[in-house]
Amino acid sequence: MIYWRWFLSFLLGFGLSVGTNSVVRAEPPETAPAELKALITQIDTTANRQDNEKIQSFYSSQFVTADGLTADTMFKSLKKLWKSYPKLKYRTELQSWQKEGNNWVAQTLTTIEGSSSQERQPVQLKATIKSRQTIQDGKLIRQEILSERTQLSSGANAPQVKVNLPETVKVGQEFDFDVIIQEPLGDDLLAGTAIAQTVESSRFLEPTAIELDLLQSGGLFKRVKAEDKPQDRWFSALLVRGTGMTLITQRVRIQP
């Protein structure tokens, strides 16, 4: 049984986001105010320095995510993450923005890469998150993750995989969750599993137990039916061979 800590959305939360039903037209990034562009750059720079105290100055004390994560929980999570991954690199691109009253709403794409502090078998992390946030008086007050994928790999020859999984589905819709090994296994045995979990704030700091099964084919292939009510779900696949392992997690948004 393998235990893996879920540190997904919060570790990538330096894009900009908020859920809104507004029909205000989003503007292209080149027209964004200089103050907004500067704020995004400053947050990236501070995250790359892993300055937990400074990063807090960019967030309102009332900050909350659509997943129910508060500012306090997020900063505690980041402190643990940065201790395990001391050299993460953040890169955020502004994709669009709009003005809503006195607030800015901006959508960005954030990429994070780095390795863990383990000496014998470090874990490589690569993640991308698309998000939308509201900024009020120069501080982030709310965030919604629009899409995310995180990949962790370790070992001399971790499985190279391709994932077929939609980012959004309708309630009750059936869809495929396929994780395909892209290179020959040779004489290697392959073990793995796939799981789905509801995205909720309580899971950000809690480890999850994962039981592995011996696989007879070069990957995992599942037919899934979406829940009957709107929600976000994490779909994860863990594949282990003699020379390494790969864990991929992707968010799927179940919409009305």
C-alpha atoms as a PDB file:
ATOM      1  CA  MET A   1       0.000   0.000   0.000  1.00  0.00           C
ATOM      2  CA  ILE A   2       1.425   3.370  -1.023  1.00  0.00           C
ATOM      3  CA  TYR A   3       0.585   6.644   0.725  1.00  0.00           C
ATOM      4  CA  TRP A   4       0.627   9.815  -1.322  1.00  0.00           C
ATOM      5  CA  ARG A   5      -0.118  13.285  -0.068  1.00  0.00           C
ATOM      6  CA  TRP A   6      -2.602  15.289  -2.130  1.00  0.00           C
ATOM      7  CA  PHE A   7      -0.980  18.676  -2.763  1.00  0.00           C
ATOM      8  CA  LEU A   8      -2.610  19.594  -6.033  1.00  0.00           C
ATOM      9  CA  SER A   9      -4.611  22.758  -6.516  1.00  0.00           C
ATOM     10  CA  PHE A  10      -3.171  24.797  -3.663  1.00  0.00           C
ATOM     11  CA  LEU A  11       0.433  24.313  -4.757  1.00  0.00           C
ATOM     12  CA  LEU A  12      -0.399  25.855  -8.107  1.00  0.00           C
ATOM     13  CA  GLY A  13      -2.591  28.657  -6.954  1.00  0.00           C
ATOM     14  CA  PHE A  14      -0.630  31.550  -8.363  1.00  0.00           C
ATOM     15  CA  GLY A  15      -2.671  31.931 -11.502  1.00  0.00           C
ATOM     16  CA  LEU A  16      -5.612  34.290 -11.102  1.00  0.00           C
ATOM     17  CA  SER A  17      -9.237  33.240 -10.735  1.00  0.00           C
ATOM     18  CA  VAL A  18     -12.823  33.533  -9.506  1.00  0.00           C
ATOM     19  CA  GLY A  19     -16.085  31.886 -10.344  1.00  0.00           C
ATOM     20  CA  THR A  20     -18.512  34.357 -11.865  1.00  0.00           C
ATOM     21  CA  ASN A  21     -21.625  34.429 -13.962  1.00  0.00           C
ATOM     22  CA  SER A  22     -20.750  37.814 -15.361  1.00  0.00           C
ATOM     23  CA  VAL A  23     -21.144  38.356 -19.083  1.00  0.00           C
ATOM     24  CA  VAL A  24     -18.539  41.119 -19.164  1.00  0.00           C
ATOM     25  CA  ARG A  25     -16.244  40.532 -22.138  1.00  0.00           C
ATOM     26  CA  ALA A  26     -12.748  39.322 -21.280  1.00  0.00           C
ATOM     27  CA  GLU A  27      -9.947  41.485 -22.662  1.00  0.00           C
ATOM     28  CA  PRO A  28      -6.688  40.219 -24.226  1.00  0.00           C
ATOM     29  CA  PRO A  29      -3.578  40.170 -21.989  1.00  0.00           C
ATOM     30  CA  GLU A  30      -1.725  42.913 -23.867  1.00  0.00           C
ATOM     31  CA  THR A  31      -4.384  45.435 -22.800  1.00  0.00           C
ATOM     32  CA  ALA A  32      -4.103  44.604 -19.087  1.00  0.00           C
ATOM     33  CA  PRO A  33      -3.227  47.413 -16.668  1.00  0.00           C
ATOM     34  CA  ALA A  34       0.445  47.668 -15.762  1.00  0.00           C
ATOM     35  CA  GLU A  35      -0.458  47.177 -12.089  1.00  0.00           C
ATOM     36  CA  LEU A  36      -2.078  43.814 -12.833  1.00  0.00           C
ATOM     37  CA  LYS A  37       0.877  42.599 -14.893  1.00  0.00           C
ATOM     38  CA  ALA A  38       3.252  43.721 -12.150  1.00  0.00           C
ATOM     39  CA  LEU A  39       1.240  41.882  -9.497  1.00  0.00           C
ATOM     40  CA  ILE A  40       1.435  38.606 -11.424  1.00  0.00           C
ATOM     41  CA  THR A  41       5.191  39.033 -11.889  1.00  0.00           C
ATOM     42  CA  GLN A  42       5.685  39.819  -8.202  1.00  0.00           C
ATOM     43  CA  ILE A  43       3.725  36.741  -7.115  1.00  0.00           C
ATOM     44  CA  ASP A  44       5.757  34.511  -9.440  1.00  0.00           C
ATOM     45  CA  THR A  45       9.029  36.020  -8.193  1.00  0.00           C
ATOM     46  CA  THR A  46       8.025  35.561  -4.554  1.00  0.00           C
ATOM     47  CA  ALA A  47       6.901  31.961  -5.155  1.00  0.00           C
ATOM     48  CA  ASN A  48      10.205  31.174  -6.875  1.00  0.00           C
ATOM     49  CA  ARG A  49      12.008  32.486  -3.798  1.00  0.00           C
ATOM     50  CA  GLN A  50       9.634  30.407  -1.636  1.00  0.00           C
ATOM     51  CA  ASP A  51       9.120  33.408   0.617  1.00  0.00           C
ATOM     52  CA  ASN A  52       6.094  32.280   2.627  1.00  0.00           C
ATOM     53  CA  GLU A  53       5.868  35.502   4.632  1.00  0.00           C
ATOM     54  CA  LYS A  54       6.008  37.748   1.569  1.00  0.00           C
ATOM     55  CA  ILE A  55       3.532  35.667  -0.422  1.00  0.00           C
ATOM     56  CA  GLN A  56       0.923  36.263   2.272  1.00  0.00           C
ATOM     57  CA  SER A  57       1.018  39.996   1.571  1.00  0.00           C
ATOM     58  CA  PHE A  58      -0.600  39.409  -1.833  1.00  0.00           C
ATOM     59  CA  TYR A  59      -3.673  37.690  -0.358  1.00  0.00           C
ATOM     60  CA  SER A  60      -6.600  39.154   1.543  1.00  0.00           C
ATOM     61  CA  SER A  61      -7.275  37.633   4.964  1.00  0.00           C
ATOM     62  CA  GLN A  62     -10.720  36.821   3.538  1.00  0.00           C
ATOM     63  CA  PHE A  63      -9.251  34.891   0.593  1.00  0.00           C
ATOM     64  CA  VAL A  64     -11.056  31.652  -0.276  1.00  0.00           C
ATOM     65  CA  THR A  65     -11.033  29.254  -3.198  1.00  0.00           C
ATOM     66  CA  ALA A  66     -13.998  27.636  -4.900  1.00  0.00           C
ATOM     67  CA  ASP A  67     -12.778  24.386  -3.284  1.00  0.00           C
ATOM     68  CA  GLY A  68     -13.206  25.872   0.195  1.00  0.00           C
ATOM     69  CA  LEU A  69      -9.502  26.426   0.864  1.00  0.00           C
ATOM     70  CA  THR A  70      -8.794  29.431   3.116  1.00  0.00           C
ATOM     71  CA  ALA A  71      -5.707  31.619   3.136  1.00  0.00           C
ATOM     72  CA  ASP A  72      -4.502  30.081   6.419  1.00  0.00           C
ATOM     73  CA  THR A  73      -4.767  26.516   5.107  1.00  0.00           C
ATOM     74  CA  MET A  74      -3.086  27.452   1.840  1.00  0.00           C
ATOM     75  CA  PHE A  75      -0.073  29.055   3.529  1.00  0.00           C
ATOM     76  CA  LYS A  76       0.385  26.047   5.824  1.00  0.00           C
ATOM     77  CA  SER A  77       0.213  23.795   2.780  1.00  0.00           C
ATOM     78  CA  LEU A  78       2.756  25.868   0.871  1.00  0.00           C
ATOM     79  CA  LYS A  79       5.172  25.771   3.809  1.00  0.00           C
ATOM     80  CA  LYS A  80       5.079  21.961   3.808  1.00  0.00           C
ATOM     81  CA  LEU A  81       5.320  21.792   0.037  1.00  0.00           C
ATOM     82  CA  TRP A  82       8.308  24.113  -0.201  1.00  0.00           C
ATOM     83  CA  LYS A  83      10.112  22.154   2.506  1.00  0.00           C
ATOM     84  CA  SER A  84       9.762  18.983   0.396  1.00  0.00           C
ATOM     85  CA  TYR A  85      10.375  20.736  -2.938  1.00  0.00           C
ATOM     86  CA  PRO A  86      12.957  23.479  -2.287  1.00  0.00           C
ATOM     87  CA  LYS A  87      13.598  24.365  -5.946  1.00  0.00           C
ATOM     88  CA  LEU A  88      10.186  24.663  -7.563  1.00  0.00           C
ATOM     89  CA  LYS A  89       9.995  27.068 -10.488  1.00  0.00           C
ATOM     90  CA  TYR A  90       6.770  28.974 -11.205  1.00  0.00           C
ATOM     91  CA  ARG A  91       5.874  30.586 -14.519  1.00  0.00           C
ATOM     92  CA  THR A  92       2.527  32.361 -14.968  1.00  0.00           C
ATOM     93  CA  GLU A  93       1.056  33.690 -18.207  1.00  0.00           C
ATOM     94  CA  LEU A  94      -1.857  36.110 -18.247  1.00  0.00           C
ATOM     95  CA  GLN A  95      -4.452  34.837 -20.724  1.00  0.00           C
ATOM     96  CA  SER A  96      -7.280  37.353 -20.302  1.00  0.00           C
ATOM     97  CA  TRP A  97      -8.644  39.910 -17.878  1.00  0.00           C
ATOM     98  CA  GLN A  98     -11.700  42.059 -17.227  1.00  0.00           C
ATOM     99  CA  LYS A  99     -12.852  44.810 -14.922  1.00  0.00           C
ATOM    100  CA  GLU A 100     -15.814  44.180 -12.616  1.00  0.00           C
ATOM    101  CA  GLY A 101     -16.661  47.265 -10.611  1.00  0.00           C
ATOM    102  CA  ASN A 102     -13.529  48.113  -8.654  1.00  0.00           C
ATOM    103  CA  ASN A 103     -12.132  44.588  -9.010  1.00  0.00           C
ATOM    104  CA  TRP A 104      -9.978  42.872 -11.602  1.00  0.00           C
ATOM    105  CA  VAL A 105     -10.771  39.347 -12.747  1.00  0.00           C
ATOM    106  CA  ALA A 106      -7.879  37.655 -14.528  1.00  0.00           C
ATOM    107  CA  GLN A 107      -7.397  34.239 -16.058  1.00  0.00           C
ATOM    108  CA  THR A 108      -3.906  32.758 -16.204  1.00  0.00           C
ATOM    109  CA  LEU A 109      -1.981  29.594 -16.937  1.00  0.00           C
ATOM    110  CA  THR A 110       0.643  28.585 -14.377  1.00  0.00           C
ATOM    111  CA  THR A 111       3.370  25.993 -14.935  1.00  0.00           C
ATOM    112  CA  ILE A 112       5.383  24.560 -12.056  1.00  0.00           C
ATOM    113  CA  GLU A 113       8.425  22.292 -12.282  1.00  0.00           C
ATOM    114  CA  GLY A 114      10.941  20.999  -9.767  1.00  0.00           C
ATOM    115  CA  SER A 115      12.223  18.048  -7.779  1.00  0.00           C
ATOM    116  CA  SER A 116      11.951  16.909  -4.193  1.00  0.00           C
ATOM    117  CA  SER A 117      14.680  17.171  -1.571  1.00  0.00           C
ATOM    118  CA  GLN A 118      15.113  13.384  -1.351  1.00  0.00           C
ATOM    119  CA  GLU A 119      18.691  12.430  -2.188  1.00  0.00           C
ATOM    120  CA  ARG A 120      18.474   8.774  -3.252  1.00  0.00           C
ATOM    121  CA  GLN A 121      15.371   8.894  -5.396  1.00  0.00           C
ATOM    122  CA  PRO A 122      14.078  12.433  -5.886  1.00  0.00           C
ATOM    123  CA  VAL A 123      10.564  12.963  -7.183  1.00  0.00           C
ATOM    124  CA  GLN A 124      10.146  15.129 -10.278  1.00  0.00           C
ATOM    125  CA  LEU A 125       7.071  17.352 -10.303  1.00  0.00           C
ATOM    126  CA  LYS A 126       5.452  19.029 -13.282  1.00  0.00           C
ATOM    127  CA  ALA A 127       2.082  20.703 -13.103  1.00  0.00           C
ATOM    128  CA  THR A 128      -0.098  23.090 -15.043  1.00  0.00           C
ATOM    129  CA  ILE A 129      -3.116  24.992 -13.785  1.00  0.00           C
ATOM    130  CA  LYS A 130      -5.522  27.293 -15.524  1.00  0.00           C
ATOM    131  CA  SER A 131      -7.308  29.517 -13.040  1.00  0.00           C
ATOM    132  CA  ARG A 132      -9.371  32.664 -12.630  1.00  0.00           C
ATOM    133  CA  GLN A 133      -9.179  35.052  -9.697  1.00  0.00           C
ATOM    134  CA  THR A 134     -10.629  38.240  -8.344  1.00  0.00           C
ATOM    135  CA  ILE A 135      -8.273  40.981  -7.151  1.00  0.00           C
ATOM    136  CA  GLN A 136      -9.486  43.762  -4.906  1.00  0.00           C
ATOM    137  CA  ASP A 137      -7.273  46.677  -3.856  1.00  0.00           C
ATOM    138  CA  GLY A 138      -4.175  44.830  -5.007  1.00  0.00           C
ATOM    139  CA  LYS A 139      -4.946  41.624  -3.104  1.00  0.00           C
ATOM    140  CA  LEU A 140      -6.368  38.291  -4.190  1.00  0.00           C
ATOM    141  CA  ILE A 141      -9.742  37.633  -2.593  1.00  0.00           C
ATOM    142  CA  ARG A 142     -11.063  34.554  -4.397  1.00  0.00           C
ATOM    143  CA  GLN A 143      -9.913  31.831  -6.764  1.00  0.00           C
ATOM    144  CA  GLU A 144     -11.388  29.107  -8.939  1.00  0.00           C
ATOM    145  CA  ILE A 145      -9.361  26.377 -10.623  1.00  0.00           C
ATOM    146  CA  LEU A 146     -10.553  25.871 -14.200  1.00  0.00           C
ATOM    147  CA  SER A 147      -8.259  22.985 -15.088  1.00  0.00           C
ATOM    148  CA  GLU A 148      -5.226  21.271 -13.595  1.00  0.00           C
ATOM    149  CA  ARG A 149      -2.898  18.367 -14.177  1.00  0.00           C
ATOM    150  CA  THR A 150      -0.062  17.261 -11.909  1.00  0.00           C
ATOM    151  CA  GLN A 151       2.560  14.621 -12.715  1.00  0.00           C
ATOM    152  CA  LEU A 152       4.997  13.135 -10.208  1.00  0.00           C
ATOM    153  CA  SER A 153       7.684  10.711 -11.330  1.00  0.00           C
ATOM    154  CA  SER A 154      10.686   9.025  -9.752  1.00  0.00           C
ATOM    155  CA  GLY A 155      13.274   6.416 -10.612  1.00  0.00           C
ATOM    156  CA  ALA A 156      15.787   5.926 -13.393  1.00  0.00           C
ATOM    157  CA  ASN A 157      13.107   4.989 -15.930  1.00  0.00           C
ATOM    158  CA  ALA A 158       9.686   6.121 -14.774  1.00  0.00           C
ATOM    159  CA  PRO A 159       6.796   5.037 -17.009  1.00  0.00           C
ATOM    160  CA  GLN A 160       6.140   7.476 -19.851  1.00  0.00           C
ATOM    161  CA  VAL A 161       2.384   7.738 -20.150  1.00  0.00           C
ATOM    162  CA  LYS A 162      -0.342   9.346 -22.211  1.00  0.00           C
ATOM    163  CA  VAL A 163      -3.613  10.264 -20.501  1.00  0.00           C
ATOM    164  CA  ASN A 164      -6.950  10.459 -22.273  1.00  0.00           C
ATOM    165  CA  LEU A 165      -9.373  12.241 -19.969  1.00  0.00           C
ATOM    166  CA  PRO A 166     -11.731  15.189 -20.609  1.00  0.00           C
ATOM    167  CA  GLU A 167     -11.410  18.363 -18.530  1.00  0.00           C
ATOM    168  CA  THR A 168     -15.184  18.909 -18.379  1.00  0.00           C
ATOM    169  CA  VAL A 169     -18.192  16.589 -18.664  1.00  0.00           C
ATOM    170  CA  LYS A 170     -21.933  16.874 -18.116  1.00  0.00           C
ATOM    171  CA  VAL A 171     -23.699  15.372 -15.094  1.00  0.00           C
ATOM    172  CA  GLY A 172     -24.383  11.689 -15.642  1.00  0.00           C
ATOM    173  CA  GLN A 173     -22.223  11.563 -18.790  1.00  0.00           C
ATOM    174  CA  GLU A 174     -20.083   8.487 -19.483  1.00  0.00           C
ATOM    175  CA  PHE A 175     -16.460   9.027 -20.509  1.00  0.00           C
ATOM    176  CA  ASP A 176     -13.145   7.176 -20.832  1.00  0.00           C
ATOM    177  CA  PHE A 177     -10.207   7.412 -18.439  1.00  0.00           C
ATOM    178  CA  ASP A 178      -7.247   5.835 -20.231  1.00  0.00           C
ATOM    179  CA  VAL A 179      -3.613   5.911 -19.083  1.00  0.00           C
ATOM    180  CA  ILE A 180      -1.375   4.344 -21.726  1.00  0.00           C
ATOM    181  CA  ILE A 181       2.290   3.336 -21.361  1.00  0.00           C
ATOM    182  CA  GLN A 182       4.157   4.786 -24.346  1.00  0.00           C
ATOM    183  CA  GLU A 183       7.210   2.520 -24.383  1.00  0.00           C
ATOM    184  CA  PRO A 184       7.689  -1.287 -24.439  1.00  0.00           C
ATOM    185  CA  LEU A 185       7.775  -2.876 -20.989  1.00  0.00           C
ATOM    186  CA  GLY A 186      10.031  -5.774 -21.992  1.00  0.00           C
ATOM    187  CA  ASP A 187      10.315  -8.157 -19.057  1.00  0.00           C
ATOM    188  CA  ASP A 188       9.202  -5.516 -16.546  1.00  0.00           C
ATOM    189  CA  LEU A 189       6.157  -6.149 -14.425  1.00  0.00           C
ATOM    190  CA  LEU A 190       3.695  -3.260 -14.231  1.00  0.00           C
ATOM    191  CA  ALA A 191       1.508  -2.453 -11.236  1.00  0.00           C
ATOM    192  CA  GLY A 192      -0.916   0.382 -10.845  1.00  0.00           C
ATOM    193  CA  THR A 193      -4.313   1.700  -9.962  1.00  0.00           C
ATOM    194  CA  ALA A 194      -6.731   4.485 -10.836  1.00  0.00           C
ATOM    195  CA  ILE A 195      -8.925   6.333  -8.359  1.00  0.00           C
ATOM    196  CA  ALA A 196     -11.361   9.262  -8.318  1.00  0.00           C
ATOM    197  CA  GLN A 197     -11.991  11.622  -5.419  1.00  0.00           C
ATOM    198  CA  THR A 198     -14.144  14.640  -4.791  1.00  0.00           C
ATOM    199  CA  VAL A 199     -12.146  17.869  -4.689  1.00  0.00           C
ATOM    200  CA  GLU A 200     -12.578  19.315  -1.218  1.00  0.00           C
ATOM    201  CA  SER A 201     -10.436  21.325   1.175  1.00  0.00           C
ATOM    202  CA  SER A 202     -10.084  18.507   3.744  1.00  0.00           C
ATOM    203  CA  ARG A 203      -8.051  16.441   1.274  1.00  0.00           C
ATOM    204  CA  PHE A 204      -5.306  19.009   0.736  1.00  0.00           C
ATOM    205  CA  LEU A 205      -3.406  18.125   3.904  1.00  0.00           C
ATOM    206  CA  GLU A 206      -4.371  14.481   4.310  1.00  0.00           C
ATOM    207  CA  PRO A 207      -2.478  11.524   2.808  1.00  0.00           C
ATOM    208  CA  THR A 208      -4.388   9.025   0.719  1.00  0.00           C
ATOM    209  CA  ALA A 209      -3.762   5.266   0.807  1.00  0.00           C
ATOM    210  CA  ILE A 210      -3.373   3.700  -2.622  1.00  0.00           C
ATOM    211  CA  GLU A 211      -3.447  -0.057  -3.208  1.00  0.00           C
ATOM    212  CA  LEU A 212      -1.738  -1.362  -6.345  1.00  0.00           C
ATOM    213  CA  ASP A 213      -2.815  -4.220  -8.623  1.00  0.00           C
ATOM    214  CA  LEU A 214      -0.629  -6.167 -11.031  1.00  0.00           C
ATOM    215  CA  LEU A 215      -1.600  -5.072 -14.555  1.00  0.00           C
ATOM    216  CA  GLN A 216      -1.849  -7.414 -17.509  1.00  0.00           C
ATOM    217  CA  SER A 217      -1.722  -4.688 -20.171  1.00  0.00           C
ATOM    218  CA  GLY A 218       0.287  -1.582 -20.933  1.00  0.00           C
ATOM    219  CA  GLY A 219      -1.836   0.833 -18.962  1.00  0.00           C
ATOM    220  CA  LEU A 220      -5.156   1.486 -17.263  1.00  0.00           C
ATOM    221  CA  PHE A 221      -8.442   1.671 -19.148  1.00  0.00           C
ATOM    222  CA  LYS A 222     -11.687   2.627 -17.420  1.00  0.00           C
ATOM    223  CA  ARG A 223     -15.187   3.680 -18.435  1.00  0.00           C
ATOM    224  CA  VAL A 224     -16.530   6.219 -15.957  1.00  0.00           C
ATOM    225  CA  LYS A 225     -19.957   7.719 -15.328  1.00  0.00           C
ATOM    226  CA  ALA A 226     -20.014  11.278 -14.021  1.00  0.00           C
ATOM    227  CA  GLU A 227     -21.803  12.075 -10.782  1.00  0.00           C
ATOM    228  CA  ASP A 228     -25.430  13.198 -10.915  1.00  0.00           C
ATOM    229  CA  LYS A 229     -24.714  16.675  -9.576  1.00  0.00           C
ATOM    230  CA  PRO A 230     -22.179  19.374 -10.512  1.00  0.00           C
ATOM    231  CA  GLN A 231     -18.825  19.071  -8.741  1.00  0.00           C
ATOM    232  CA  ASP A 232     -15.088  18.796  -9.344  1.00  0.00           C
ATOM    233  CA  ARG A 233     -13.340  15.416  -9.160  1.00  0.00           C
ATOM    234  CA  TRP A 234      -9.680  14.405  -9.084  1.00  0.00           C
ATOM    235  CA  PHE A 235      -8.860  11.427 -11.291  1.00  0.00           C
ATOM    236  CA  SER A 236      -5.503   9.860 -10.483  1.00  0.00           C
ATOM    237  CA  ALA A 237      -3.461   7.027 -11.961  1.00  0.00           C
ATOM    238  CA  LEU A 238      -0.376   5.521 -10.354  1.00  0.00           C
ATOM    239  CA  LEU A 239       1.864   3.233 -12.451  1.00  0.00           C
ATOM    240  CA  VAL A 240       4.905   1.441 -11.028  1.00  0.00           C
ATOM    241  CA  ARG A 241       7.563  -0.640 -12.801  1.00  0.00           C
ATOM    242  CA  GLY A 242      10.886  -1.969 -11.576  1.00  0.00           C
ATOM    243  CA  THR A 243      12.782   1.129 -12.636  1.00  0.00           C
ATOM    244  CA  GLY A 244      10.407   3.895 -11.583  1.00  0.00           C
ATOM    245  CA  MET A 245       6.927   5.178 -10.966  1.00  0.00           C
ATOM    246  CA  THR A 246       4.582   7.859 -12.308  1.00  0.00           C
ATOM    247  CA  LEU A 247       1.558   9.451 -10.655  1.00  0.00           C
ATOM    248  CA  ILE A 248      -0.741  11.688 -12.693  1.00  0.00           C
ATOM    249  CA  THR A 249      -3.737  13.571 -11.343  1.00  0.00           C
ATOM    250  CA  GLN A 250      -6.177  15.628 -13.391  1.00  0.00           C
ATOM    251  CA  ARG A 251      -9.223  17.615 -12.368  1.00  0.00           C
ATOM    252  CA  VAL A 252     -12.489  16.919 -14.177  1.00  0.00           C
ATOM    253  CA  ARG A 253     -15.287  19.467 -13.805  1.00  0.00           C
ATOM    254  CA  ILE A 254     -18.768  17.975 -13.827  1.00  0.00           C
ATOM    255  CA  GLN A 255     -21.129  20.680 -15.072  1.00  0.00           C
ATOM    256  CA  PRO A 256     -24.910  20.995 -15.402  1.00  0.00           C
END
